[in-house]
Amino acid sequence: MAHSKQALKRARQSEKNRVANKAKMSRMKGAVKNLMALIKAGDKAKATAQLTTVCKIIDKAAQGHVIHKNNAARHKSQATRAVAAMK
């Protein structure tokens, strides 16, 4: 455990940030999973509408440094290609 005041503060900040980052990551994963479920169900209209929301959530995760910007670009690309491939 930390002993100095600054180390104790840093530990508090780190825990707070960890919880916030975990929530953002969980939100992103859930949104992508819901989109993939719509794609699997074959509902193109809903999947197209959901795609913009998913891309926005992914961008916010990258903006907050939860994921790397290239990782965000890859996720958005995969989601877009999956929706475009629907019949």
Foldseek 3Di string as FASTA:
>chain_A
DDDDPVVVVVVVVVVVVVVVLVVLVVVLVVLLVVLVVCLVVLPLVVSVVSLVVSLVSLVVSCVVVSDPPVVSVVSSVVSVVSSVPGD
